[in-house]
Amino acid sequence: MSAAETIKNLGDYINGEFQQPEGEDGHWVIKSPANLRDIVYEGVFYYDNIDKACLAAKAAFHPWAKLGLEKRIEYMNRLKEVYQTNTDKLATTISRETGKPFWEAKTEVVAMIGKISITIDHSLKLVADEKIENIQAHTDGWIRFKPRGVMAVLGPFNFPGHL
């Protein structure tokens, strides 16, 4: 694979927009393991942006929940459409960043698309409320899944699109 254009650093995506760091705690360069002359990404990081992103996500939590399931599914389907439209572009980026062959990176993107369908069609049933009749004498019980909140994740390099 030949070297391609370095991905432009737009900043960190926080509260619905890209924000350039207000400071710099470090600098990183990602080179393709398949071609060390190919600089995939170059940018700075700022630890305070992790807190800013988590606070923005926490503030968005309740409005997101109030959208209702149908509207959230609509957004998930829109994300699926974006992935489908940009499959080759996403696969190229994953291939460059991880050093995977293009065909394998494309398989990852197809799996990302499939996971949206799995979530909508199957996974939501696993977190549905469940009534347990007669859990005690003359008493019914319920199993309810409640979200725990927001967290930051440092994901593995080998399947970057999945996270």
N, C-alpha and C. Protein backbone atom coordinates (compact mmCIF):
# COMPACT_ATOMS: atom_id res chain seq x y z
N MET A 1 0.85 -1.17 0.00
CA MET A 1 0.00 0.00 0.00
C MET A 1 0.90 1.23 0.00
N SER A 2 0.62 2.16 -0.85
CA SER A 2 1.43 3.37 -0.91
C SER A 2 0.96 4.36 0.16
N ALA A 3 1.87 5.26 0.51
CA ALA A 3 1.54 6.28 1.51
C ALA A 3 0.41 7.17 0.98
N ALA A 4 -0.48 7.53 1.85
CA ALA A 4 -1.60 8.40 1.49
C ALA A 4 -1.54 9.65 2.36
N GLU A 5 -2.51 10.49 2.20
CA GLU A 5 -2.54 11.75 2.94
C GLU A 5 -2.72 11.51 4.43
N THR A 6 -1.99 12.28 5.23
CA THR A 6 -2.14 12.21 6.69
C THR A 6 -3.52 12.75 7.06
N ILE A 7 -4.20 12.05 7.96
CA ILE A 7 -5.52 12.48 8.41
C ILE A 7 -5.38 13.79 9.16
N LYS A 8 -6.17 14.77 8.78
CA LYS A 8 -6.11 16.08 9.40
C LYS A 8 -6.66 16.01 10.82
N ASN A 9 -5.93 16.61 11.75
CA ASN A 9 -6.37 16.65 13.14
C ASN A 9 -7.39 17.77 13.29
N LEU A 10 -8.65 17.42 13.45
CA LEU A 10 -9.72 18.41 13.62
C LEU A 10 -9.92 18.77 15.09
N GLY A 11 -9.26 18.05 15.97
CA GLY A 11 -9.45 18.24 17.41
C GLY A 11 -10.22 17.06 17.98
N ASP A 12 -10.62 17.21 19.21
CA ASP A 12 -11.40 16.17 19.88
C ASP A 12 -12.88 16.47 19.70
N TYR A 13 -13.67 15.42 19.43
CA TYR A 13 -15.10 15.58 19.20
C TYR A 13 -15.80 15.60 20.56
N ILE A 14 -16.21 16.79 20.97
CA ILE A 14 -16.81 16.98 22.29
C ILE A 14 -18.08 17.81 22.12
N ASN A 15 -19.17 17.32 22.69
CA ASN A 15 -20.43 18.06 22.71
C ASN A 15 -20.90 18.43 21.30
N GLY A 16 -20.71 17.49 20.36
CA GLY A 16 -21.23 17.68 19.02
C GLY A 16 -20.37 18.51 18.09
N GLU A 17 -19.14 18.81 18.49
CA GLU A 17 -18.27 19.57 17.59
C GLU A 17 -16.80 19.24 17.86
N PHE A 18 -15.98 19.45 16.86
CA PHE A 18 -14.55 19.25 17.03
C PHE A 18 -13.96 20.46 17.75
N GLN A 19 -13.17 20.19 18.78
CA GLN A 19 -12.54 21.25 19.56
C GLN A 19 -11.04 21.02 19.61
N GLN A 20 -10.31 22.05 19.25
CA GLN A 20 -8.86 21.97 19.37
C GLN A 20 -8.51 22.05 20.85
N PRO A 21 -7.48 21.30 21.28
CA PRO A 21 -7.08 21.34 22.69
C PRO A 21 -6.66 22.75 23.11
N GLU A 22 -6.98 23.10 24.36
CA GLU A 22 -6.58 24.39 24.91
C GLU A 22 -5.15 24.34 25.43
N GLY A 23 -4.60 23.17 25.52
CA GLY A 23 -3.23 22.98 25.96
C GLY A 23 -2.67 21.76 25.25
N GLU A 24 -1.49 21.36 25.65
CA GLU A 24 -0.89 20.17 25.04
C GLU A 24 -0.14 19.39 26.11
N ASP A 25 -0.60 18.16 26.33
CA ASP A 25 0.09 17.27 27.25
C ASP A 25 1.05 16.34 26.53
N GLY A 26 0.92 16.27 25.23
CA GLY A 26 1.81 15.42 24.44
C GLY A 26 1.45 15.45 22.98
N HIS A 27 2.24 14.76 22.22
CA HIS A 27 2.11 14.74 20.76
C HIS A 27 2.27 13.29 20.32
N TRP A 28 1.48 12.89 19.34
CA TRP A 28 1.66 11.54 18.84
C TRP A 28 1.61 11.50 17.33
N VAL A 29 2.29 10.51 16.82
CA VAL A 29 2.35 10.25 15.40
C VAL A 29 2.00 8.78 15.20
N ILE A 30 1.03 8.51 14.34
CA ILE A 30 0.67 7.13 14.03
C ILE A 30 1.17 6.83 12.63
N LYS A 31 2.09 5.89 12.55
CA LYS A 31 2.60 5.43 11.26
C LYS A 31 2.02 4.06 10.97
N SER A 32 1.78 3.81 9.72
CA SER A 32 1.25 2.50 9.34
C SER A 32 2.31 1.44 9.59
N PRO A 33 1.98 0.38 10.30
CA PRO A 33 2.94 -0.71 10.49
C PRO A 33 3.31 -1.38 9.17
N ALA A 34 2.47 -1.24 8.16
CA ALA A 34 2.74 -1.85 6.86
C ALA A 34 3.68 -1.01 6.01
N ASN A 35 3.79 0.29 6.33
CA ASN A 35 4.65 1.20 5.58
C ASN A 35 5.01 2.34 6.51
N LEU A 36 6.17 2.27 7.14
CA LEU A 36 6.54 3.25 8.15
C LEU A 36 6.74 4.66 7.60
N ARG A 37 6.76 4.81 6.30
CA ARG A 37 6.82 6.16 5.71
C ARG A 37 5.42 6.79 5.63
N ASP A 38 4.39 5.98 5.83
CA ASP A 38 3.00 6.45 5.76
C ASP A 38 2.57 6.97 7.13
N ILE A 39 2.54 8.29 7.29
CA ILE A 39 2.05 8.88 8.54
C ILE A 39 0.53 9.00 8.42
N VAL A 40 -0.16 8.16 9.18
CA VAL A 40 -1.62 8.10 9.10
C VAL A 40 -2.24 9.29 9.82
N TYR A 41 -1.71 9.61 10.99
CA TYR A 41 -2.29 10.67 11.82
C TYR A 41 -1.18 11.31 12.64
N GLU A 42 -1.31 12.60 12.84
CA GLU A 42 -0.38 13.32 13.70
C GLU A 42 -1.19 14.37 14.45
N GLY A 43 -1.01 14.43 15.75
CA GLY A 43 -1.76 15.41 16.53
C GLY A 43 -1.27 15.49 17.96
N VAL A 44 -1.94 16.33 18.73
CA VAL A 44 -1.61 16.52 20.14
C VAL A 44 -2.74 15.95 20.99
N PHE A 45 -2.41 15.67 22.24
CA PHE A 45 -3.46 15.27 23.17
C PHE A 45 -3.40 16.15 24.40
N TYR A 46 -4.57 16.28 25.02
CA TYR A 46 -4.75 17.14 26.18
C TYR A 46 -5.66 16.40 27.15
N TYR A 47 -5.10 15.99 28.28
CA TYR A 47 -5.85 15.15 29.22
C TYR A 47 -7.16 15.78 29.69
N ASP A 48 -7.21 17.11 29.85
CA ASP A 48 -8.43 17.75 30.31
C ASP A 48 -9.60 17.52 29.36
N ASN A 49 -9.30 17.24 28.09
CA ASN A 49 -10.39 16.99 27.14
C ASN A 49 -11.13 15.69 27.44
N ILE A 50 -10.48 14.76 28.12
CA ILE A 50 -11.18 13.54 28.53
C ILE A 50 -12.30 13.90 29.49
N ASP A 51 -11.98 14.75 30.48
CA ASP A 51 -13.00 15.18 31.44
C ASP A 51 -14.10 15.98 30.74
N LYS A 52 -13.71 16.86 29.82
CA LYS A 52 -14.70 17.65 29.09
C LYS A 52 -15.64 16.74 28.28
N ALA A 53 -15.07 15.73 27.64
CA ALA A 53 -15.88 14.81 26.84
C ALA A 53 -16.83 14.00 27.73
N CYS A 54 -16.34 13.54 28.88
CA CYS A 54 -17.19 12.77 29.79
C CYS A 54 -18.31 13.64 30.36
N LEU A 55 -18.00 14.89 30.69
CA LEU A 55 -19.05 15.80 31.20
C LEU A 55 -20.09 16.08 30.12
N ALA A 56 -19.65 16.27 28.88
CA ALA A 56 -20.60 16.50 27.78
C ALA A 56 -21.47 15.26 27.56
N ALA A 57 -20.87 14.08 27.63
CA ALA A 57 -21.64 12.84 27.46
C ALA A 57 -22.63 12.67 28.61
N LYS A 58 -22.20 13.00 29.81
CA LYS A 58 -23.10 12.90 30.96
C LYS A 58 -24.29 13.86 30.81
N ALA A 59 -24.03 15.07 30.32
CA ALA A 59 -25.10 16.04 30.11
C ALA A 59 -26.06 15.58 29.01
N ALA A 60 -25.56 14.83 28.03
CA ALA A 60 -26.39 14.36 26.92
C ALA A 60 -27.16 13.09 27.28
N PHE A 61 -26.80 12.44 28.37
CA PHE A 61 -27.38 11.15 28.73
C PHE A 61 -28.90 11.21 28.86
N HIS A 62 -29.42 12.10 29.67
CA HIS A 62 -30.88 12.15 29.90
C HIS A 62 -31.65 12.59 28.65
N PRO A 63 -31.19 13.63 27.93
CA PRO A 63 -31.90 13.95 26.68
C PRO A 63 -31.91 12.79 25.69
N TRP A 64 -30.81 12.04 25.61
CA TRP A 64 -30.75 10.88 24.73
C TRP A 64 -31.76 9.84 25.16
N ALA A 65 -31.83 9.57 26.46
CA ALA A 65 -32.77 8.57 26.98
C ALA A 65 -34.21 8.98 26.71
N LYS A 66 -34.49 10.28 26.78
CA LYS A 66 -35.85 10.78 26.57
C LYS A 66 -36.28 10.76 25.10
N LEU A 67 -35.32 10.55 24.19
CA LEU A 67 -35.68 10.46 22.77
C LEU A 67 -36.63 9.30 22.51
N GLY A 68 -36.51 8.27 23.30
CA GLY A 68 -37.30 7.07 23.08
C GLY A 68 -36.60 6.10 22.16
N LEU A 69 -36.99 4.87 22.26
CA LEU A 69 -36.32 3.79 21.53
C LEU A 69 -36.40 3.98 20.01
N GLU A 70 -37.55 4.34 19.49
CA GLU A 70 -37.70 4.47 18.04
C GLU A 70 -36.76 5.53 17.46
N LYS A 71 -36.63 6.65 18.14
CA LYS A 71 -35.75 7.72 17.64
C LYS A 71 -34.28 7.29 17.75
N ARG A 72 -33.91 6.59 18.83
CA ARG A 72 -32.53 6.10 18.96
C ARG A 72 -32.23 5.07 17.87
N ILE A 73 -33.19 4.22 17.56
CA ILE A 73 -33.00 3.25 16.47
C ILE A 73 -32.84 3.98 15.14
N GLU A 74 -33.58 5.06 14.96
CA GLU A 74 -33.43 5.86 13.74
C GLU A 74 -31.99 6.39 13.61
N TYR A 75 -31.45 6.89 14.71
CA TYR A 75 -30.06 7.37 14.70
C TYR A 75 -29.08 6.23 14.43
N MET A 76 -29.32 5.07 15.02
CA MET A 76 -28.43 3.94 14.78
C MET A 76 -28.47 3.51 13.32
N ASN A 77 -29.66 3.51 12.73
CA ASN A 77 -29.78 3.17 11.31
C ASN A 77 -29.08 4.21 10.43
N ARG A 78 -29.12 5.47 10.84
CA ARG A 78 -28.40 6.51 10.10
C ARG A 78 -26.90 6.27 10.16
N LEU A 79 -26.40 5.88 11.33
CA LEU A 79 -24.97 5.55 11.46
C LEU A 79 -24.62 4.37 10.56
N LYS A 80 -25.50 3.40 10.51
CA LYS A 80 -25.29 2.25 9.64
C LYS A 80 -25.19 2.69 8.18
N GLU A 81 -26.05 3.61 7.76
CA GLU A 81 -26.00 4.14 6.39
C GLU A 81 -24.67 4.84 6.12
N VAL A 82 -24.20 5.61 7.08
CA VAL A 82 -22.91 6.31 6.93
C VAL A 82 -21.79 5.29 6.77
N TYR A 83 -21.80 4.24 7.59
CA TYR A 83 -20.79 3.18 7.46
C TYR A 83 -20.86 2.53 6.08
N GLN A 84 -22.08 2.23 5.63
CA GLN A 84 -22.24 1.58 4.33
C GLN A 84 -21.75 2.47 3.20
N THR A 85 -22.07 3.74 3.26
CA THR A 85 -21.65 4.69 2.23
C THR A 85 -20.13 4.84 2.19
N ASN A 86 -19.49 4.74 3.35
CA ASN A 86 -18.05 4.99 3.47
C ASN A 86 -17.24 3.73 3.77
N THR A 87 -17.75 2.58 3.39
CA THR A 87 -17.08 1.32 3.70
C THR A 87 -15.64 1.31 3.24
N ASP A 88 -15.38 1.64 1.99
CA ASP A 88 -14.01 1.58 1.48
C ASP A 88 -13.10 2.61 2.15
N LYS A 89 -13.62 3.79 2.41
CA LYS A 89 -12.82 4.83 3.07
C LYS A 89 -12.47 4.40 4.50
N LEU A 90 -13.44 3.87 5.22
CA LEU A 90 -13.18 3.38 6.57
C LEU A 90 -12.18 2.22 6.55
N ALA A 91 -12.36 1.29 5.62
CA ALA A 91 -11.46 0.15 5.52
C ALA A 91 -10.04 0.60 5.18
N THR A 92 -9.91 1.57 4.31
CA THR A 92 -8.58 2.08 3.97
C THR A 92 -7.91 2.69 5.19
N THR A 93 -8.65 3.47 5.95
CA THR A 93 -8.08 4.09 7.15
C THR A 93 -7.68 3.03 8.17
N ILE A 94 -8.54 2.05 8.41
CA ILE A 94 -8.22 0.97 9.35
C ILE A 94 -7.00 0.20 8.86
N SER A 95 -6.95 -0.08 7.58
CA SER A 95 -5.82 -0.81 7.00
C SER A 95 -4.52 -0.06 7.22
N ARG A 96 -4.54 1.23 6.93
CA ARG A 96 -3.34 2.05 7.11
C ARG A 96 -2.92 2.11 8.58
N GLU A 97 -3.89 2.31 9.46
CA GLU A 97 -3.57 2.49 10.88
C GLU A 97 -3.06 1.22 11.54
N THR A 98 -3.64 0.09 11.19
CA THR A 98 -3.29 -1.17 11.86
C THR A 98 -2.28 -2.01 11.09
N GLY A 99 -2.13 -1.73 9.79
CA GLY A 99 -1.26 -2.55 8.96
C GLY A 99 -1.96 -3.79 8.42
N LYS A 100 -3.28 -3.89 8.65
CA LYS A 100 -4.04 -5.03 8.14
C LYS A 100 -4.14 -4.94 6.62
N PRO A 101 -4.26 -6.08 5.95
CA PRO A 101 -4.58 -6.02 4.52
C PRO A 101 -5.97 -5.39 4.34
N PHE A 102 -6.17 -4.74 3.21
CA PHE A 102 -7.43 -4.05 2.95
C PHE A 102 -8.63 -4.98 3.11
N TRP A 103 -8.53 -6.21 2.58
CA TRP A 103 -9.67 -7.13 2.65
C TRP A 103 -10.07 -7.41 4.09
N GLU A 104 -9.08 -7.50 4.99
CA GLU A 104 -9.39 -7.77 6.39
C GLU A 104 -10.01 -6.55 7.06
N ALA A 105 -9.49 -5.37 6.73
CA ALA A 105 -10.07 -4.14 7.27
C ALA A 105 -11.51 -3.96 6.78
N LYS A 106 -11.75 -4.33 5.53
CA LYS A 106 -13.11 -4.22 4.99
C LYS A 106 -14.05 -5.20 5.72
N THR A 107 -13.54 -6.37 6.05
CA THR A 107 -14.32 -7.33 6.83
C THR A 107 -14.70 -6.73 8.18
N GLU A 108 -13.77 -5.97 8.78
CA GLU A 108 -14.07 -5.31 10.05
C GLU A 108 -15.20 -4.28 9.90
N VAL A 109 -15.16 -3.50 8.83
CA VAL A 109 -16.20 -2.51 8.61
C VAL A 109 -17.55 -3.20 8.39
N VAL A 110 -17.56 -4.27 7.63
CA VAL A 110 -18.81 -5.03 7.42
C VAL A 110 -19.32 -5.56 8.76
N ALA A 111 -18.41 -6.00 9.63
CA ALA A 111 -18.83 -6.47 10.96
C ALA A 111 -19.40 -5.32 11.80
N MET A 112 -18.81 -4.13 11.67
CA MET A 112 -19.33 -2.96 12.38
C MET A 112 -20.76 -2.67 11.94
N ILE A 113 -21.00 -2.74 10.65
CA ILE A 113 -22.34 -2.53 10.11
C ILE A 113 -23.30 -3.59 10.65
N GLY A 114 -22.84 -4.83 10.65
CA GLY A 114 -23.67 -5.93 11.14
C GLY A 114 -24.01 -5.81 12.61
N LYS A 115 -23.08 -5.27 13.40
CA LYS A 115 -23.34 -5.15 14.84
C LYS A 115 -24.46 -4.15 15.14
N ILE A 116 -24.64 -3.18 14.27
CA ILE A 116 -25.76 -2.26 14.46
C ILE A 116 -27.07 -3.01 14.29
N SER A 117 -27.16 -3.83 13.25
CA SER A 117 -28.37 -4.64 13.04
C SER A 117 -28.59 -5.61 14.19
N ILE A 118 -27.52 -6.24 14.66
CA ILE A 118 -27.64 -7.18 15.78
C ILE A 118 -28.16 -6.46 17.02
N THR A 119 -27.63 -5.26 17.28
CA THR A 119 -28.08 -4.50 18.44
C THR A 119 -29.56 -4.19 18.34
N ILE A 120 -29.98 -3.72 17.18
CA ILE A 120 -31.40 -3.35 17.00
C ILE A 120 -32.30 -4.58 17.03
N ASP A 121 -31.90 -5.64 16.34
CA ASP A 121 -32.78 -6.79 16.16
C ASP A 121 -32.74 -7.80 17.30
N HIS A 122 -31.64 -7.85 18.04
CA HIS A 122 -31.51 -8.92 19.04
C HIS A 122 -31.09 -8.44 20.42
N SER A 123 -30.10 -7.59 20.51
CA SER A 123 -29.53 -7.23 21.81
C SER A 123 -30.50 -6.48 22.70
N LEU A 124 -31.35 -5.68 22.13
CA LEU A 124 -32.28 -4.90 22.95
C LEU A 124 -33.22 -5.80 23.75
N LYS A 125 -33.49 -6.99 23.22
CA LYS A 125 -34.35 -7.93 23.94
C LYS A 125 -33.68 -8.43 25.23
N LEU A 126 -32.35 -8.44 25.22
CA LEU A 126 -31.60 -8.93 26.38
C LEU A 126 -31.64 -7.97 27.56
N VAL A 127 -31.98 -6.72 27.31
CA VAL A 127 -32.03 -5.74 28.39
C VAL A 127 -33.46 -5.25 28.65
N ALA A 128 -34.43 -5.95 28.10
CA ALA A 128 -35.83 -5.59 28.34
C ALA A 128 -36.22 -5.96 29.77
N ASP A 129 -37.17 -5.21 30.33
CA ASP A 129 -37.66 -5.55 31.65
C ASP A 129 -38.24 -6.95 31.65
N GLU A 130 -38.03 -7.67 32.73
CA GLU A 130 -38.53 -9.04 32.84
C GLU A 130 -39.26 -9.21 34.17
N LYS A 131 -40.49 -9.66 34.07
CA LYS A 131 -41.30 -9.87 35.27
C LYS A 131 -41.08 -11.29 35.78
N ILE A 132 -40.84 -11.40 37.08
CA ILE A 132 -40.69 -12.71 37.74
C ILE A 132 -41.89 -12.87 38.67
N GLU A 133 -42.80 -13.73 38.26
CA GLU A 133 -44.02 -13.91 39.05
C GLU A 133 -43.74 -14.74 40.29
N ASN A 134 -44.42 -14.37 41.37
CA ASN A 134 -44.34 -15.10 42.64
C ASN A 134 -42.91 -15.27 43.13
N ILE A 135 -42.14 -14.20 43.08
CA ILE A 135 -40.77 -14.27 43.56
C ILE A 135 -40.77 -14.56 45.07
N GLN A 136 -41.80 -14.06 45.73
CA GLN A 136 -42.12 -14.43 47.10
C GLN A 136 -43.62 -14.64 47.13
N ALA A 137 -44.12 -15.14 48.19
CA ALA A 137 -45.56 -15.39 48.27
C ALA A 137 -46.34 -14.12 47.95
N HIS A 138 -47.19 -14.19 46.95
CA HIS A 138 -48.06 -13.09 46.54
C HIS A 138 -47.29 -11.83 46.12
N THR A 139 -46.07 -12.01 45.68
CA THR A 139 -45.24 -10.86 45.29
C THR A 139 -44.53 -11.16 43.97
N ASP A 140 -44.69 -10.26 43.03
CA ASP A 140 -43.96 -10.37 41.77
C ASP A 140 -42.70 -9.51 41.86
N GLY A 141 -41.71 -9.91 41.11
CA GLY A 141 -40.47 -9.14 41.05
C GLY A 141 -40.15 -8.73 39.62
N TRP A 142 -39.21 -7.84 39.48
CA TRP A 142 -38.80 -7.35 38.17
C TRP A 142 -37.29 -7.33 38.06
N ILE A 143 -36.82 -7.66 36.89
CA ILE A 143 -35.41 -7.46 36.56
C ILE A 143 -35.38 -6.29 35.58
N ARG A 144 -34.67 -5.25 35.96
CA ARG A 144 -34.55 -4.06 35.11
C ARG A 144 -33.08 -3.71 34.96
N PHE A 145 -32.69 -3.42 33.75
CA PHE A 145 -31.31 -3.04 33.46
C PHE A 145 -31.23 -1.52 33.44
N LYS A 146 -30.32 -0.99 34.20
CA LYS A 146 -30.13 0.45 34.28
C LYS A 146 -28.71 0.79 33.83
N PRO A 147 -28.57 1.80 32.99
CA PRO A 147 -27.22 2.20 32.57
C PRO A 147 -26.41 2.71 33.76
N ARG A 148 -25.11 2.51 33.70
CA ARG A 148 -24.22 2.89 34.78
C ARG A 148 -23.64 4.29 34.61
N GLY A 149 -23.69 4.83 33.41
CA GLY A 149 -23.15 6.16 33.20
C GLY A 149 -22.08 6.20 32.14
N VAL A 150 -21.27 7.22 32.20
CA VAL A 150 -20.29 7.53 31.17
C VAL A 150 -18.91 7.13 31.63
N MET A 151 -18.09 6.68 30.68
CA MET A 151 -16.71 6.36 31.00
C MET A 151 -15.84 6.59 29.77
N ALA A 152 -14.57 6.75 29.99
CA ALA A 152 -13.61 6.86 28.89
C ALA A 152 -12.97 5.49 28.71
N VAL A 153 -12.72 5.11 27.46
CA VAL A 153 -12.14 3.79 27.16
C VAL A 153 -10.92 3.97 26.29
N LEU A 154 -9.85 3.32 26.66
CA LEU A 154 -8.69 3.19 25.78
C LEU A 154 -8.82 1.83 25.12
N GLY A 155 -9.21 1.84 23.86
CA GLY A 155 -9.52 0.60 23.17
C GLY A 155 -8.29 -0.05 22.57
N PRO A 156 -8.40 -1.32 22.24
CA PRO A 156 -7.29 -2.03 21.62
C PRO A 156 -7.07 -1.56 20.19
N PHE A 157 -5.87 -1.71 19.73
CA PHE A 157 -5.52 -1.23 18.39
C PHE A 157 -5.99 -2.17 17.29
N ASN A 158 -6.22 -3.42 17.61
CA ASN A 158 -6.43 -4.40 16.55
C ASN A 158 -7.82 -4.37 15.90
N PHE A 159 -8.82 -3.82 16.59
CA PHE A 159 -10.15 -3.64 16.01
C PHE A 159 -10.66 -2.24 16.36
N PRO A 160 -10.02 -1.21 15.82
CA PRO A 160 -10.33 0.17 16.25
C PRO A 160 -11.75 0.60 15.93
N GLY A 161 -12.33 0.13 14.85
CA GLY A 161 -13.67 0.56 14.47
C GLY A 161 -14.75 0.05 15.38
N HIS A 162 -14.52 -1.07 16.03
CA HIS A 162 -15.56 -1.65 16.88
C HIS A 162 -15.83 -0.82 18.12
N LEU A 163 -14.87 -0.05 18.55
CA LEU A 163 -15.10 0.75 19.75
C LEU A 163 -15.48 2.17 19.40
